Amino acid sequence: MTISNDITALHDKIRHWRRHLHQYPETAFEETATAKFIAEKLSEFGLATHLGLGKTGVVATLMAGQGHKKIALRADMDALFIEEQNHFGHRSRHHGKMHACGHDGHTAMLLAAARHLAATRNFDGHLHLVFQPAEEGQAGARRMLEDGFLDLFPCEAMFGMHNAPGVPEGKFFAIPGYAMASGDTCIIKVRGVGGHGAIPQTAVDPVVAGAAIVMALQSIVSRNVPPLHAGIVTVGAFLAGDAPNVIPGEAELRLTVRALRPEVRDLLEKRIGEIAHAQAAVFGATAEVNYIRRYPVLNNDPAMNELCK
């Protein structure tokens, strides 16, 4: 891939922007300083900005030529609740927060594109530059849409990309159709009857019931999802009790659930609920299942995918 000399000349500036953003990470819907930094840079490039869509989102528009086509370029801005362990000079200065998913890089990339395109105007039509808040599990894009993004900034297509460690420098992937999995959360509360560990017959043990649920959940993908499709059911947390000689009254399982097809997503939700209730009942316990749909499957338009390539 050949990078234009104009972009290469911006390398030091882009790195400086990225490192500044890395030092001052802000989490979902709190990206006020980040939004201000972006707006100031866009203003330097001669662009007017619209602030506040999705609470902290930033949008600017570039126009060139006489064309009427409208597209958008999008980057996300938010960081994660992670304590940074690095020791370089631009490490996070915000305790417990870190740009560990590369959104500082995404923002810097889109700022660089904005500067280059504002200077060259080598296109024909309308281009919206979209800096989205709250990508990390909080659906900032949906919030921007609910705030009227498409009414204010109509576009025929939107393009974004994500860094991917391990991809060779100068390469990128463009996948038509279903490209990234849905991401859901499921909380299962198993309720039994607490008691003393020395007299288990007087209790209903939610730990044993919960363990049975964990093991049974492993059969969903292997026995219910078609082999050529994809699904993931991962129990990331199992919380129960705090004493070795006490049977607790409740246990909690926390799951992440992912699928590459909408119909598989529906299947996973259905089977998780069925298994949780059935397994709990076997041990005399009950299960409360709270399935939270977060992000849908990413379905890339094939024609726009080819244009991107």
C-alpha atoms as a PDB file:
ATOM      1  CA  MET A   1       0.000   0.000   0.000  1.00  0.00           C
ATOM      2  CA  THR A   2       1.426   3.362  -1.014  1.00  0.00           C
ATOM      3  CA  ILE A   3       0.799   6.223   1.389  1.00  0.00           C
ATOM      4  CA  SER A   4       0.758   9.724  -0.080  1.00  0.00           C
ATOM      5  CA  ASN A   5       3.578  12.083   0.798  1.00  0.00           C
ATOM      6  CA  ASP A   6       1.023  14.504   2.237  1.00  0.00           C
ATOM      7  CA  ILE A   7      -0.054  11.919   4.794  1.00  0.00           C
ATOM      8  CA  THR A   8       3.509  10.801   5.536  1.00  0.00           C
ATOM      9  CA  ALA A   9       4.424  14.407   6.286  1.00  0.00           C
ATOM     10  CA  LEU A  10       1.779  14.405   9.036  1.00  0.00           C
ATOM     11  CA  HIS A  11       3.309  11.451  10.851  1.00  0.00           C
ATOM     12  CA  ASP A  12       4.734  13.384  13.797  1.00  0.00           C
ATOM     13  CA  LYS A  13       1.502  15.345  14.265  1.00  0.00           C
ATOM     14  CA  ILE A  14      -0.638  12.200  14.147  1.00  0.00           C
ATOM     15  CA  ARG A  15       1.610  10.502  16.693  1.00  0.00           C
ATOM     16  CA  HIS A  16       1.405  13.553  18.956  1.00  0.00           C
ATOM     17  CA  TRP A  17      -2.409  13.566  18.743  1.00  0.00           C
ATOM     18  CA  ARG A  18      -2.588   9.865  19.485  1.00  0.00           C
ATOM     19  CA  ARG A  19      -0.279  10.104  22.463  1.00  0.00           C
ATOM     20  CA  HIS A  20      -2.153  13.103  23.876  1.00  0.00           C
ATOM     21  CA  LEU A  21      -5.422  11.168  23.650  1.00  0.00           C
ATOM     22  CA  HIS A  22      -3.775   8.144  25.222  1.00  0.00           C
ATOM     23  CA  GLN A  23      -2.690  10.226  28.214  1.00  0.00           C
ATOM     24  CA  TYR A  24      -6.192  11.490  28.893  1.00  0.00           C
ATOM     25  CA  PRO A  25      -8.605   8.581  28.324  1.00  0.00           C
ATOM     26  CA  GLU A  26     -12.304   9.113  28.956  1.00  0.00           C
ATOM     27  CA  THR A  27     -14.927   6.395  29.216  1.00  0.00           C
ATOM     28  CA  ALA A  28     -18.411   6.151  27.683  1.00  0.00           C
ATOM     29  CA  PHE A  29     -20.429   9.386  27.515  1.00  0.00           C
ATOM     30  CA  GLU A  30     -17.736  11.230  29.499  1.00  0.00           C
ATOM     31  CA  GLU A  31     -15.532  12.148  26.518  1.00  0.00           C
ATOM     32  CA  THR A  32     -15.877  15.905  27.082  1.00  0.00           C
ATOM     33  CA  ALA A  33     -12.173  16.791  26.967  1.00  0.00           C
ATOM     34  CA  THR A  34     -11.679  14.412  24.042  1.00  0.00           C
ATOM     35  CA  ALA A  35     -14.543  16.063  22.151  1.00  0.00           C
ATOM     36  CA  LYS A  36     -13.120  19.502  22.884  1.00  0.00           C
ATOM     37  CA  PHE A  37      -9.696  18.425  21.615  1.00  0.00           C
ATOM     38  CA  ILE A  38     -11.249  17.042  18.417  1.00  0.00           C
ATOM     39  CA  ALA A  39     -13.365  20.154  17.846  1.00  0.00           C
ATOM     40  CA  GLU A  40     -10.329  22.413  18.302  1.00  0.00           C
ATOM     41  CA  LYS A  41      -8.356  20.427  15.744  1.00  0.00           C
ATOM     42  CA  LEU A  42     -11.219  20.428  13.250  1.00  0.00           C
ATOM     43  CA  SER A  43     -11.542  24.178  13.715  1.00  0.00           C
ATOM     44  CA  GLU A  44      -7.829  24.554  12.957  1.00  0.00           C
ATOM     45  CA  PHE A  45      -8.485  22.684   9.710  1.00  0.00           C
ATOM     46  CA  GLY A  46     -11.203  25.202   8.847  1.00  0.00           C
ATOM     47  CA  LEU A  47     -14.179  22.980   9.647  1.00  0.00           C
ATOM     48  CA  ALA A  48     -17.294  23.859  11.618  1.00  0.00           C
ATOM     49  CA  THR A  49     -18.301  21.208  14.139  1.00  0.00           C
ATOM     50  CA  HIS A  50     -21.548  19.987  15.624  1.00  0.00           C
ATOM     51  CA  LEU A  51     -21.237  18.944  19.270  1.00  0.00           C
ATOM     52  CA  GLY A  52     -23.533  17.010  21.563  1.00  0.00           C
ATOM     53  CA  LEU A  53     -25.044  14.267  19.401  1.00  0.00           C
ATOM     54  CA  GLY A  54     -25.050  11.175  21.580  1.00  0.00           C
ATOM     55  CA  LYS A  55     -24.135  13.500  24.470  1.00  0.00           C
ATOM     56  CA  THR A  56     -20.449  13.851  23.572  1.00  0.00           C
ATOM     57  CA  GLY A  57     -20.279  13.051  19.850  1.00  0.00           C
ATOM     58  CA  VAL A  58     -18.581  15.335  17.335  1.00  0.00           C
ATOM     59  CA  VAL A  59     -19.512  15.697  13.661  1.00  0.00           C
ATOM     60  CA  ALA A  60     -18.036  17.909  10.936  1.00  0.00           C
ATOM     61  CA  THR A  61     -18.901  18.111   7.238  1.00  0.00           C
ATOM     62  CA  LEU A  62     -16.654  18.678   4.224  1.00  0.00           C
ATOM     63  CA  MET A  63     -18.027  19.597   0.793  1.00  0.00           C
ATOM     64  CA  ALA A  64     -16.245  19.638  -2.546  1.00  0.00           C
ATOM     65  CA  GLY A  65     -17.257  19.841  -6.174  1.00  0.00           C
ATOM     66  CA  GLN A  66     -20.856  19.800  -7.369  1.00  0.00           C
ATOM     67  CA  GLY A  67     -21.751  16.235  -6.411  1.00  0.00           C
ATOM     68  CA  HIS A  68     -24.684  15.299  -4.210  1.00  0.00           C
ATOM     69  CA  LYS A  69     -23.492  11.951  -2.884  1.00  0.00           C
ATOM     70  CA  LYS A  70     -23.068  11.813   0.880  1.00  0.00           C
ATOM     71  CA  ILE A  71     -20.879   9.418   2.825  1.00  0.00           C
ATOM     72  CA  ALA A  72     -19.372   9.384   6.301  1.00  0.00           C
ATOM     73  CA  LEU A  73     -16.131   8.306   7.928  1.00  0.00           C
ATOM     74  CA  ARG A  74     -16.424   7.235  11.551  1.00  0.00           C
ATOM     75  CA  ALA A  75     -14.112   6.689  14.525  1.00  0.00           C
ATOM     76  CA  ASP A  76     -14.838   5.913  18.176  1.00  0.00           C
ATOM     77  CA  MET A  77     -13.429   7.944  21.083  1.00  0.00           C
ATOM     78  CA  ASP A  78     -13.988   6.164  24.412  1.00  0.00           C
ATOM     79  CA  ALA A  79     -11.573   4.244  26.618  1.00  0.00           C
ATOM     80  CA  LEU A  80     -11.920   1.266  28.963  1.00  0.00           C
ATOM     81  CA  PHE A  81     -11.952   0.884  32.745  1.00  0.00           C
ATOM     82  CA  ILE A  82      -8.466  -0.618  32.874  1.00  0.00           C
ATOM     83  CA  GLU A  83      -5.474   0.438  34.983  1.00  0.00           C
ATOM     84  CA  GLU A  84      -2.567   0.952  32.601  1.00  0.00           C
ATOM     85  CA  GLN A  85       0.593  -1.017  33.436  1.00  0.00           C
ATOM     86  CA  ASN A  86       2.866   0.660  30.881  1.00  0.00           C
ATOM     87  CA  HIS A  87       5.607   3.062  31.969  1.00  0.00           C
ATOM     88  CA  PHE A  88       6.259   5.186  28.859  1.00  0.00           C
ATOM     89  CA  GLY A  89       5.890   8.937  28.997  1.00  0.00           C
ATOM     90  CA  HIS A  90       2.413   9.082  27.497  1.00  0.00           C
ATOM     91  CA  ARG A  91       0.819   6.463  29.784  1.00  0.00           C
ATOM     92  CA  SER A  92      -2.665   7.194  31.091  1.00  0.00           C
ATOM     93  CA  ARG A  93      -2.924   9.972  33.657  1.00  0.00           C
ATOM     94  CA  HIS A  94      -6.475   8.983  34.570  1.00  0.00           C
ATOM     95  CA  HIS A  95      -6.485   6.353  37.302  1.00  0.00           C
ATOM     96  CA  GLY A  96      -8.311   3.181  36.299  1.00  0.00           C
ATOM     97  CA  LYS A  97      -8.887   4.254  32.695  1.00  0.00           C
ATOM     98  CA  MET A  98      -6.916   3.375  29.581  1.00  0.00           C
ATOM     99  CA  HIS A  99      -7.117   3.400  25.794  1.00  0.00           C
ATOM    100  CA  ALA A 100      -6.586  -0.349  25.658  1.00  0.00           C
ATOM    101  CA  CYS A 101      -8.682  -0.932  22.526  1.00  0.00           C
ATOM    102  CA  GLY A 102      -7.057   1.596  20.220  1.00  0.00           C
ATOM    103  CA  HIS A 103      -9.712   4.289  20.030  1.00  0.00           C
ATOM    104  CA  ASP A 104      -7.016   6.902  20.575  1.00  0.00           C
ATOM    105  CA  GLY A 105      -5.505   5.618  17.334  1.00  0.00           C
ATOM    106  CA  HIS A 106      -8.853   5.625  15.536  1.00  0.00           C
ATOM    107  CA  THR A 107      -9.496   9.242  16.554  1.00  0.00           C
ATOM    108  CA  ALA A 108      -6.020  10.320  15.476  1.00  0.00           C
ATOM    109  CA  MET A 109      -6.491   8.554  12.131  1.00  0.00           C
ATOM    110  CA  LEU A 110      -9.757  10.331  11.409  1.00  0.00           C
ATOM    111  CA  LEU A 111      -8.274  13.678  12.441  1.00  0.00           C
ATOM    112  CA  ALA A 112      -5.457  13.044   9.982  1.00  0.00           C
ATOM    113  CA  ALA A 113      -7.951  12.201   7.235  1.00  0.00           C
ATOM    114  CA  ALA A 114      -9.915  15.364   8.072  1.00  0.00           C
ATOM    115  CA  ARG A 115      -6.822  17.545   7.824  1.00  0.00           C
ATOM    116  CA  HIS A 116      -5.725  15.994   4.539  1.00  0.00           C
ATOM    117  CA  LEU A 117      -9.159  16.102   2.917  1.00  0.00           C
ATOM    118  CA  ALA A 118      -9.848  19.644   4.123  1.00  0.00           C
ATOM    119  CA  ALA A 119      -6.591  20.754   2.506  1.00  0.00           C
ATOM    120  CA  THR A 120      -6.948  18.863  -0.789  1.00  0.00           C
ATOM    121  CA  ARG A 121     -10.743  18.622  -1.357  1.00  0.00           C
ATOM    122  CA  ASN A 122      -9.979  15.893  -3.873  1.00  0.00           C
ATOM    123  CA  PHE A 123     -13.489  14.437  -3.938  1.00  0.00           C
ATOM    124  CA  ASP A 124     -16.935  15.328  -5.225  1.00  0.00           C
ATOM    125  CA  GLY A 125     -19.834  15.487  -2.768  1.00  0.00           C
ATOM    126  CA  HIS A 126     -20.478  15.655   0.967  1.00  0.00           C
ATOM    127  CA  LEU A 127     -18.310  13.936   3.549  1.00  0.00           C
ATOM    128  CA  HIS A 128     -19.309  13.703   7.211  1.00  0.00           C
ATOM    129  CA  LEU A 129     -16.564  13.100   9.762  1.00  0.00           C
ATOM    130  CA  VAL A 130     -18.110  11.319  12.737  1.00  0.00           C
ATOM    131  CA  PHE A 131     -16.451  10.916  16.137  1.00  0.00           C
ATOM    132  CA  GLN A 132     -18.663   8.534  18.093  1.00  0.00           C
ATOM    133  CA  PRO A 133     -18.762   8.214  21.886  1.00  0.00           C
ATOM    134  CA  ALA A 134     -19.445   5.154  24.004  1.00  0.00           C
ATOM    135  CA  GLU A 135     -18.550   2.301  21.671  1.00  0.00           C
ATOM    136  CA  GLU A 136     -17.486   0.070  24.567  1.00  0.00           C
ATOM    137  CA  GLY A 137     -20.754  -1.661  25.362  1.00  0.00           C
ATOM    138  CA  GLN A 138     -22.856   1.498  25.727  1.00  0.00           C
ATOM    139  CA  ALA A 139     -24.223   1.825  22.167  1.00  0.00           C
ATOM    140  CA  GLY A 140     -23.096   5.376  21.504  1.00  0.00           C
ATOM    141  CA  ALA A 141     -23.928   4.989  17.814  1.00  0.00           C
ATOM    142  CA  ARG A 142     -27.551   4.210  18.652  1.00  0.00           C
ATOM    143  CA  ARG A 143     -27.626   7.249  20.938  1.00  0.00           C
ATOM    144  CA  MET A 144     -26.412   9.462  18.083  1.00  0.00           C
ATOM    145  CA  LEU A 145     -29.089   8.023  15.789  1.00  0.00           C
ATOM    146  CA  GLU A 146     -31.764   8.645  18.418  1.00  0.00           C
ATOM    147  CA  ASP A 147     -30.552  12.234  18.657  1.00  0.00           C
ATOM    148  CA  GLY A 148     -31.254  12.708  14.941  1.00  0.00           C
ATOM    149  CA  PHE A 149     -27.881  12.052  13.316  1.00  0.00           C
ATOM    150  CA  LEU A 150     -29.341  10.896   9.981  1.00  0.00           C
ATOM    151  CA  ASP A 151     -31.739  13.857   9.853  1.00  0.00           C
ATOM    152  CA  LEU A 152     -28.899  16.318  10.366  1.00  0.00           C
ATOM    153  CA  PHE A 153     -26.229  14.440   8.426  1.00  0.00           C
ATOM    154  CA  PRO A 154     -27.858  12.122   5.865  1.00  0.00           C
ATOM    155  CA  CYS A 155     -25.453   9.699   4.215  1.00  0.00           C
ATOM    156  CA  GLU A 156     -25.688   6.811   1.789  1.00  0.00           C
ATOM    157  CA  ALA A 157     -22.891   4.838   3.418  1.00  0.00           C
ATOM    158  CA  MET A 158     -20.592   5.025   6.417  1.00  0.00           C
ATOM    159  CA  PHE A 159     -17.079   3.622   6.652  1.00  0.00           C
ATOM    160  CA  GLY A 160     -15.067   2.817   9.735  1.00  0.00           C
ATOM    161  CA  MET A 161     -12.210   0.528  10.570  1.00  0.00           C
ATOM    162  CA  HIS A 162     -10.626  -0.993  13.656  1.00  0.00           C
ATOM    163  CA  ASN A 163      -6.996  -1.649  14.402  1.00  0.00           C
ATOM    164  CA  ALA A 164      -6.152  -5.350  14.507  1.00  0.00           C
ATOM    165  CA  PRO A 165      -2.886  -6.433  16.128  1.00  0.00           C
ATOM    166  CA  GLY A 166      -1.307  -9.172  14.043  1.00  0.00           C
ATOM    167  CA  VAL A 167      -2.361  -7.804  10.663  1.00  0.00           C
ATOM    168  CA  PRO A 168       0.795  -6.929   8.679  1.00  0.00           C
ATOM    169  CA  GLU A 169       1.590  -3.227   8.422  1.00  0.00           C
ATOM    170  CA  GLY A 170       0.101  -1.713   5.276  1.00  0.00           C
ATOM    171  CA  LYS A 171      -2.678  -4.312   5.033  1.00  0.00           C
ATOM    172  CA  PHE A 172      -6.340  -4.302   6.006  1.00  0.00           C
ATOM    173  CA  PHE A 173      -9.258  -6.711   5.837  1.00  0.00           C
ATOM    174  CA  ALA A 174     -12.577  -5.880   4.190  1.00  0.00           C
ATOM    175  CA  ILE A 175     -15.229  -8.555   4.687  1.00  0.00           C
ATOM    176  CA  PRO A 176     -18.610  -8.556   2.879  1.00  0.00           C
ATOM    177  CA  GLY A 177     -21.739  -9.681   4.690  1.00  0.00           C
ATOM    178  CA  TYR A 178     -21.604 -10.870   8.284  1.00  0.00           C
ATOM    179  CA  ALA A 179     -18.224  -9.666   9.490  1.00  0.00           C
ATOM    180  CA  MET A 180     -18.251  -9.168  13.261  1.00  0.00           C
ATOM    181  CA  ALA A 181     -20.232 -11.017  15.907  1.00  0.00           C
ATOM    182  CA  SER A 182     -23.105  -9.714  17.943  1.00  0.00           C
ATOM    183  CA  GLY A 183     -22.129  -9.026  21.539  1.00  0.00           C
ATOM    184  CA  ASP A 184     -24.642  -9.751  24.307  1.00  0.00           C
ATOM    185  CA  THR A 185     -24.486 -10.107  28.082  1.00  0.00           C
ATOM    186  CA  CYS A 186     -26.458 -12.594  30.151  1.00  0.00           C
ATOM    187  CA  ILE A 187     -26.780 -12.588  33.941  1.00  0.00           C
ATOM    188  CA  ILE A 188     -28.129 -15.775  35.536  1.00  0.00           C
ATOM    189  CA  LYS A 189     -29.066 -15.668  39.209  1.00  0.00           C
ATOM    190  CA  VAL A 190     -29.461 -19.107  40.758  1.00  0.00           C
ATOM    191  CA  ARG A 191     -31.504 -19.043  43.957  1.00  0.00           C
ATOM    192  CA  GLY A 192     -31.469 -21.863  46.465  1.00  0.00           C
ATOM    193  CA  VAL A 193     -31.652 -22.117  50.261  1.00  0.00           C
ATOM    194  CA  GLY A 194     -28.599 -21.266  52.308  1.00  0.00           C
ATOM    195  CA  GLY A 195     -27.346 -23.448  55.110  1.00  0.00           C
ATOM    196  CA  HIS A 196     -24.369 -24.848  56.952  1.00  0.00           C
ATOM    197  CA  GLY A 197     -21.846 -26.804  54.944  1.00  0.00           C
ATOM    198  CA  ALA A 198     -21.928 -29.615  57.510  1.00  0.00           C
ATOM    199  CA  ILE A 199     -25.662 -30.230  57.043  1.00  0.00           C
ATOM    200  CA  PRO A 200     -26.188 -29.845  53.268  1.00  0.00           C
ATOM    201  CA  GLN A 201     -29.442 -31.829  53.354  1.00  0.00           C
ATOM    202  CA  THR A 202     -31.176 -28.798  54.905  1.00  0.00           C
ATOM    203  CA  ALA A 203     -30.114 -26.489  52.092  1.00  0.00           C
ATOM    204  CA  VAL A 204     -30.591 -26.132  48.341  1.00  0.00           C
ATOM    205  CA  ASP A 205     -27.105 -25.492  47.010  1.00  0.00           C
ATOM    206  CA  PRO A 206     -27.010 -22.843  44.235  1.00  0.00           C
ATOM    207  CA  VAL A 207     -23.289 -23.478  43.719  1.00  0.00           C
ATOM    208  CA  VAL A 208     -23.891 -27.058  42.618  1.00  0.00           C
ATOM    209  CA  ALA A 209     -26.839 -25.976  40.478  1.00  0.00           C
ATOM    210  CA  GLY A 210     -24.763 -23.160  39.003  1.00  0.00           C
ATOM    211  CA  ALA A 211     -21.911 -25.548  38.222  1.00  0.00           C
ATOM    212  CA  ALA A 212     -24.337 -27.826  36.398  1.00  0.00           C
ATOM    213  CA  ILE A 213     -25.606 -24.845  34.394  1.00  0.00           C
ATOM    214  CA  VAL A 214     -22.029 -23.896  33.440  1.00  0.00           C
ATOM    215  CA  MET A 215     -21.305 -27.373  32.160  1.00  0.00           C
ATOM    216  CA  ALA A 216     -24.629 -27.706  30.319  1.00  0.00           C
ATOM    217  CA  LEU A 217     -24.128 -24.353  28.589  1.00  0.00           C
ATOM    218  CA  GLN A 218     -21.055 -25.826  26.895  1.00  0.00           C
ATOM    219  CA  SER A 219     -23.315 -28.096  24.843  1.00  0.00           C
ATOM    220  CA  ILE A 220     -25.189 -25.265  23.112  1.00  0.00           C
ATOM    221  CA  VAL A 221     -22.599 -24.403  20.473  1.00  0.00           C
ATOM    222  CA  SER A 222     -21.395 -27.976  19.988  1.00  0.00           C
ATOM    223  CA  ARG A 223     -24.872 -29.544  19.747  1.00  0.00           C
ATOM    224  CA  ASN A 224     -27.315 -26.816  18.702  1.00  0.00           C
ATOM    225  CA  VAL A 225     -25.425 -24.434  16.405  1.00  0.00           C
ATOM    226  CA  PRO A 226     -24.831 -25.678  12.824  1.00  0.00           C
ATOM    227  CA  PRO A 227     -21.142 -26.583  12.387  1.00  0.00           C
ATOM    228  CA  LEU A 228     -20.608 -24.069   9.564  1.00  0.00           C
ATOM    229  CA  HIS A 229     -21.983 -21.221  11.666  1.00  0.00           C
ATOM    230  CA  ALA A 230     -20.374 -19.657  14.705  1.00  0.00           C
ATOM    231  CA  GLY A 231     -21.383 -18.943  18.269  1.00  0.00           C
ATOM    232  CA  ILE A 232     -19.737 -18.374  21.625  1.00  0.00           C
ATOM    233  CA  VAL A 233     -21.151 -18.807  25.133  1.00  0.00           C
ATOM    234  CA  THR A 234     -18.550 -17.913  27.753  1.00  0.00           C
ATOM    235  CA  VAL A 235     -19.098 -17.790  31.502  1.00  0.00           C
ATOM    236  CA  GLY A 236     -16.720 -15.060  32.571  1.00  0.00           C
ATOM    237  CA  ALA A 237     -17.708 -14.870  36.235  1.00  0.00           C
ATOM    238  CA  PHE A 238     -19.210 -17.243  38.819  1.00  0.00           C
ATOM    239  CA  LEU A 239     -20.003 -15.428  42.058  1.00  0.00           C
ATOM    240  CA  ALA A 240     -21.198 -17.261  45.160  1.00  0.00           C
ATOM    241  CA  GLY A 241     -20.594 -17.107  48.902  1.00  0.00           C
ATOM    242  CA  ASP A 242     -17.537 -16.037  50.856  1.00  0.00           C
ATOM    243  CA  ALA A 243     -17.069 -18.681  53.567  1.00  0.00           C
ATOM    244  CA  PRO A 244     -15.841 -22.268  53.116  1.00  0.00           C
ATOM    245  CA  ASN A 245     -18.342 -23.777  55.580  1.00  0.00           C
ATOM    246  CA  VAL A 246     -21.497 -21.958  54.467  1.00  0.00           C
ATOM    247  CA  ILE A 247     -23.798 -22.856  51.594  1.00  0.00           C
ATOM    248  CA  PRO A 248     -24.899 -19.522  50.137  1.00  0.00           C
ATOM    249  CA  GLY A 249     -28.470 -18.753  49.197  1.00  0.00           C
ATOM    250  CA  GLU A 250     -27.633 -17.393  45.767  1.00  0.00           C
ATOM    251  CA  ALA A 251     -25.081 -17.703  42.985  1.00  0.00           C
ATOM    252  CA  GLU A 252     -24.608 -15.512  39.947  1.00  0.00           C
ATOM    253  CA  LEU A 253     -23.226 -16.378  36.516  1.00  0.00           C
ATOM    254  CA  ARG A 254     -22.135 -13.656  34.104  1.00  0.00           C
ATOM    255  CA  LEU A 255     -21.916 -14.582  30.438  1.00  0.00           C
ATOM    256  CA  THR A 256     -20.780 -13.039  27.203  1.00  0.00           C
ATOM    257  CA  VAL A 257     -22.671 -14.393  24.191  1.00  0.00           C
ATOM    258  CA  ARG A 258     -21.643 -13.902  20.557  1.00  0.00           C
ATOM    259  CA  ALA A 259     -22.878 -14.995  17.154  1.00  0.00           C
ATOM    260  CA  LEU A 260     -22.147 -14.264  13.502  1.00  0.00           C
ATOM    261  CA  ARG A 261     -25.730 -14.699  12.317  1.00  0.00           C
ATOM    262  CA  PRO A 262     -28.931 -13.167  13.712  1.00  0.00           C
ATOM    263  CA  GLU A 263     -30.699 -16.546  13.770  1.00  0.00           C
ATOM    264  CA  VAL A 264     -27.847 -18.071  15.791  1.00  0.00           C
ATOM    265  CA  ARG A 265     -28.091 -15.155  18.200  1.00  0.00           C
ATOM    266  CA  ASP A 266     -31.785 -15.929  18.712  1.00  0.00           C
ATOM    267  CA  LEU A 267     -30.990 -19.620  19.227  1.00  0.00           C
ATOM    268  CA  LEU A 268     -28.316 -18.907  21.851  1.00  0.00           C
ATOM    269  CA  GLU A 269     -30.667 -16.691  23.851  1.00  0.00           C
ATOM    270  CA  LYS A 270     -33.412 -19.332  23.759  1.00  0.00           C
ATOM    271  CA  ARG A 271     -31.200 -22.255  24.756  1.00  0.00           C
ATOM    272  CA  ILE A 272     -29.417 -20.378  27.558  1.00  0.00           C
ATOM    273  CA  GLY A 273     -32.770 -19.656  29.183  1.00  0.00           C
ATOM    274  CA  GLU A 274     -34.047 -23.202  28.754  1.00  0.00           C
ATOM    275  CA  ILE A 275     -30.887 -24.770  30.150  1.00  0.00           C
ATOM    276  CA  ALA A 276     -30.633 -22.405  33.124  1.00  0.00           C
ATOM    277  CA  HIS A 277     -34.207 -23.043  34.242  1.00  0.00           C
ATOM    278  CA  ALA A 278     -34.072 -26.802  33.656  1.00  0.00           C
ATOM    279  CA  GLN A 279     -30.733 -27.383  35.384  1.00  0.00           C
ATOM    280  CA  ALA A 280     -31.690 -25.254  38.365  1.00  0.00           C
ATOM    281  CA  ALA A 281     -34.932 -27.216  38.759  1.00  0.00           C
ATOM    282  CA  VAL A 282     -33.033 -30.532  38.822  1.00  0.00           C
ATOM    283  CA  PHE A 283     -31.409 -29.410  42.091  1.00  0.00           C
ATOM    284  CA  GLY A 284     -34.513 -27.809  43.565  1.00  0.00           C
ATOM    285  CA  ALA A 285     -33.292 -24.288  42.850  1.00  0.00           C
ATOM    286  CA  THR A 286     -34.653 -21.570  40.584  1.00  0.00           C
ATOM    287  CA  ALA A 287     -32.958 -19.430  37.947  1.00  0.00           C
ATOM    288  CA  GLU A 288     -33.583 -15.853  36.922  1.00  0.00           C
ATOM    289  CA  VAL A 289     -32.191 -15.123  33.447  1.00  0.00           C
ATOM    290  CA  ASN A 290     -31.544 -11.551  32.343  1.00  0.00           C
ATOM    291  CA  TYR A 291     -30.448 -11.621  28.704  1.00  0.00           C
ATOM    292  CA  ILE A 292     -29.234  -8.185  27.569  1.00  0.00           C
ATOM    293  CA  ARG A 293     -28.957  -7.601  23.836  1.00  0.00           C
ATOM    294  CA  ARG A 294     -26.135  -5.156  23.191  1.00  0.00           C
ATOM    295  CA  TYR A 295     -24.621  -5.039  19.715  1.00  0.00           C
ATOM    296  CA  PRO A 296     -26.173  -6.749  16.666  1.00  0.00           C
ATOM    297  CA  VAL A 297     -24.203  -8.687  14.064  1.00  0.00           C
ATOM    298  CA  LEU A 298     -22.228  -6.407  11.744  1.00  0.00           C
ATOM    299  CA  ASN A 299     -23.520  -6.956   8.215  1.00  0.00           C
ATOM    300  CA  ASN A 300     -21.319  -5.160   5.662  1.00  0.00           C
ATOM    301  CA  ASP A 301     -22.949  -4.149   2.389  1.00  0.00           C
ATOM    302  CA  PRO A 302     -21.137  -6.154  -0.336  1.00  0.00           C
ATOM    303  CA  ALA A 303     -21.095  -3.273  -2.852  1.00  0.00           C
ATOM    304  CA  MET A 304     -19.681  -0.823  -0.312  1.00  0.00           C
ATOM    305  CA  ASN A 305     -17.191  -3.481   0.760  1.00  0.00           C
ATOM    306  CA  GLU A 306     -15.895  -3.654  -2.820  1.00  0.00           C
ATOM    307  CA  LEU A 307     -15.734   0.137  -2.979  1.00  0.00           C
ATOM    308  CA  CYS A 308     -13.765   0.152   0.256  1.00  0.00           C
ATOM    309  CA  LYS A 309     -11.278  -2.360  -1.146  1.00  0.00           C
END
